[in-house]
């Protein structure tokens, strides 16, 4: 089992574009035996300390194996929507275990 946590940073004013991207690509997880375990949108007031700015969203997803994760990343239908991600996301910190 592969778990991926993503801390997603979104450009101000581009949240709607990000939501459009997510609505297209998150359903594709199942195609590759992936699951969305958590999607959290924390408020800045919930952070206690740290050097990083709070992310817009935190995602925890799982895949049965590395092949599923790679297939999801390369999915042709997902690739069609990457311009929305590029337009709306400033950065993503990804932790894989």
C-alpha atoms as a PDB file:
ATOM      1  CA  UNK A   1       0.000   0.000   0.000  1.00  0.00           C
ATOM      2  CA  UNK A   2       1.274   3.453  -0.996  1.00  0.00           C
ATOM      3  CA  UNK A   3       0.120   6.579   0.854  1.00  0.00           C
ATOM      4  CA  UNK A   4       0.611  10.064  -0.537  1.00  0.00           C
ATOM      5  CA  UNK A   5       0.016  13.248   1.437  1.00  0.00           C
ATOM      6  CA  UNK A   6      -0.091  16.502  -0.502  1.00  0.00           C
ATOM      7  CA  UNK A   7      -0.003  20.014   0.902  1.00  0.00           C
ATOM      8  CA  UNK A   8      -1.494  22.115  -1.898  1.00  0.00           C
ATOM      9  CA  UNK A   9      -0.868  25.861  -2.220  1.00  0.00           C
ATOM     10  CA  UNK A  10      -3.340  27.713  -4.455  1.00  0.00           C
ATOM     11  CA  UNK A  11      -3.035  31.185  -5.976  1.00  0.00           C
ATOM     12  CA  UNK A  12      -5.408  33.739  -4.440  1.00  0.00           C
ATOM     13  CA  UNK A  13      -8.415  34.234  -6.659  1.00  0.00           C
ATOM     14  CA  UNK A  14      -7.817  30.940  -8.498  1.00  0.00           C
ATOM     15  CA  UNK A  15      -9.654  28.684  -6.062  1.00  0.00           C
ATOM     16  CA  UNK A  16     -12.534  28.074  -8.501  1.00  0.00           C
ATOM     17  CA  UNK A  17     -10.110  26.924 -11.178  1.00  0.00           C
ATOM     18  CA  UNK A  18      -8.488  24.581  -8.679  1.00  0.00           C
ATOM     19  CA  UNK A  19     -11.899  23.168  -7.719  1.00  0.00           C
ATOM     20  CA  UNK A  20     -12.661  22.582 -11.415  1.00  0.00           C
ATOM     21  CA  UNK A  21      -9.383  20.668 -11.758  1.00  0.00           C
ATOM     22  CA  UNK A  22     -10.091  18.560  -8.688  1.00  0.00           C
ATOM     23  CA  UNK A  23     -13.630  17.740  -9.828  1.00  0.00           C
ATOM     24  CA  UNK A  24     -12.196  16.265 -13.027  1.00  0.00           C
ATOM     25  CA  UNK A  25      -9.185  14.354 -11.686  1.00  0.00           C
ATOM     26  CA  UNK A  26     -10.187  13.027  -8.271  1.00  0.00           C
ATOM     27  CA  UNK A  27     -12.774  10.613  -9.746  1.00  0.00           C
ATOM     28  CA  UNK A  28      -9.948   9.082 -11.804  1.00  0.00           C
ATOM     29  CA  UNK A  29      -8.288   7.707  -8.653  1.00  0.00           C
ATOM     30  CA  UNK A  30     -10.590   4.682  -8.620  1.00  0.00           C
ATOM     31  CA  UNK A  31      -9.561   3.781 -12.181  1.00  0.00           C
ATOM     32  CA  UNK A  32      -6.070   3.088 -10.794  1.00  0.00           C
ATOM     33  CA  UNK A  33      -7.092   1.470  -7.512  1.00  0.00           C
ATOM     34  CA  UNK A  34      -6.591   4.721  -5.654  1.00  0.00           C
ATOM     35  CA  UNK A  35      -8.695   6.159  -2.848  1.00  0.00           C
ATOM     36  CA  UNK A  36      -9.139   9.664  -1.512  1.00  0.00           C
ATOM     37  CA  UNK A  37      -8.830   9.084   2.221  1.00  0.00           C
ATOM     38  CA  UNK A  38      -8.955  12.744   3.291  1.00  0.00           C
ATOM     39  CA  UNK A  39      -9.343  16.142   1.713  1.00  0.00           C
ATOM     40  CA  UNK A  40      -8.940  18.880   4.301  1.00  0.00           C
ATOM     41  CA  UNK A  41      -9.172  22.643   3.882  1.00  0.00           C
ATOM     42  CA  UNK A  42      -7.665  24.010   7.102  1.00  0.00           C
ATOM     43  CA  UNK A  43      -8.099  27.594   8.200  1.00  0.00           C
ATOM     44  CA  UNK A  44      -5.059  29.709   9.048  1.00  0.00           C
ATOM     45  CA  UNK A  45      -6.353  30.024  12.622  1.00  0.00           C
ATOM     46  CA  UNK A  46      -5.848  26.273  13.107  1.00  0.00           C
ATOM     47  CA  UNK A  47      -2.061  26.458  12.760  1.00  0.00           C
ATOM     48  CA  UNK A  48      -0.082  26.684  15.947  1.00  0.00           C
ATOM     49  CA  UNK A  49       3.523  27.068  14.754  1.00  0.00           C
ATOM     50  CA  UNK A  50       5.801  26.385  11.831  1.00  0.00           C
ATOM     51  CA  UNK A  51       7.983  27.921   9.180  1.00  0.00           C
ATOM     52  CA  UNK A  52       5.652  27.207   6.246  1.00  0.00           C
ATOM     53  CA  UNK A  53       2.503  29.055   5.286  1.00  0.00           C
ATOM     54  CA  UNK A  54      -0.728  27.110   5.746  1.00  0.00           C
ATOM     55  CA  UNK A  55      -1.724  25.181   2.603  1.00  0.00           C
ATOM     56  CA  UNK A  56      -5.064  25.685   0.893  1.00  0.00           C
ATOM     57  CA  UNK A  57      -5.790  21.949   1.068  1.00  0.00           C
ATOM     58  CA  UNK A  58      -4.269  18.757   2.417  1.00  0.00           C
ATOM     59  CA  UNK A  59      -4.944  15.487   0.581  1.00  0.00           C
ATOM     60  CA  UNK A  60      -4.281  11.952   1.756  1.00  0.00           C
ATOM     61  CA  UNK A  61      -4.634   9.325  -0.965  1.00  0.00           C
ATOM     62  CA  UNK A  62      -3.717   5.665  -1.173  1.00  0.00           C
ATOM     63  CA  UNK A  63      -2.906   3.260  -3.988  1.00  0.00           C
ATOM     64  CA  UNK A  64      -2.547  -0.492  -3.861  1.00  0.00           C
ATOM     65  CA  UNK A  65       0.912  -0.239  -5.408  1.00  0.00           C
ATOM     66  CA  UNK A  66       3.429   2.034  -7.118  1.00  0.00           C
ATOM     67  CA  UNK A  67       2.109   1.068 -10.546  1.00  0.00           C
ATOM     68  CA  UNK A  68      -1.309   2.495  -9.679  1.00  0.00           C
ATOM     69  CA  UNK A  69       0.212   5.773  -8.522  1.00  0.00           C
ATOM     70  CA  UNK A  70       2.268   6.079 -11.705  1.00  0.00           C
ATOM     71  CA  UNK A  71      -0.708   5.168 -13.893  1.00  0.00           C
ATOM     72  CA  UNK A  72      -2.831   7.843 -12.204  1.00  0.00           C
ATOM     73  CA  UNK A  73      -0.137  10.450 -12.763  1.00  0.00           C
ATOM     74  CA  UNK A  74       0.095   9.517 -16.441  1.00  0.00           C
ATOM     75  CA  UNK A  75      -3.632   9.015 -17.042  1.00  0.00           C
ATOM     76  CA  UNK A  76      -4.552  10.619 -20.386  1.00  0.00           C
ATOM     77  CA  UNK A  77      -7.811  12.006 -19.031  1.00  0.00           C
ATOM     78  CA  UNK A  78      -5.934  13.556 -16.082  1.00  0.00           C
ATOM     79  CA  UNK A  79      -3.347  15.050 -18.423  1.00  0.00           C
ATOM     80  CA  UNK A  80      -6.112  16.955 -20.256  1.00  0.00           C
ATOM     81  CA  UNK A  81      -6.826  19.003 -17.124  1.00  0.00           C
ATOM     82  CA  UNK A  82      -3.278  19.818 -15.994  1.00  0.00           C
ATOM     83  CA  UNK A  83      -3.481  23.332 -17.441  1.00  0.00           C
ATOM     84  CA  UNK A  84      -6.060  24.124 -14.735  1.00  0.00           C
ATOM     85  CA  UNK A  85      -3.646  22.896 -12.084  1.00  0.00           C
ATOM     86  CA  UNK A  86      -0.794  24.897 -13.591  1.00  0.00           C
ATOM     87  CA  UNK A  87      -2.937  28.032 -13.607  1.00  0.00           C
ATOM     88  CA  UNK A  88      -4.231  27.680 -10.054  1.00  0.00           C
ATOM     89  CA  UNK A  89      -1.543  25.953  -7.967  1.00  0.00           C
ATOM     90  CA  UNK A  90       1.645  27.674  -6.867  1.00  0.00           C
ATOM     91  CA  UNK A  91       3.225  24.589  -5.297  1.00  0.00           C
ATOM     92  CA  UNK A  92       2.600  21.152  -3.821  1.00  0.00           C
ATOM     93  CA  UNK A  93       4.594  19.466  -1.096  1.00  0.00           C
ATOM     94  CA  UNK A  94       4.225  15.715  -1.495  1.00  0.00           C
ATOM     95  CA  UNK A  95       5.108  13.070   1.095  1.00  0.00           C
ATOM     96  CA  UNK A  96       5.020   9.455  -0.072  1.00  0.00           C
ATOM     97  CA  UNK A  97       5.228   6.461   2.213  1.00  0.00           C
END
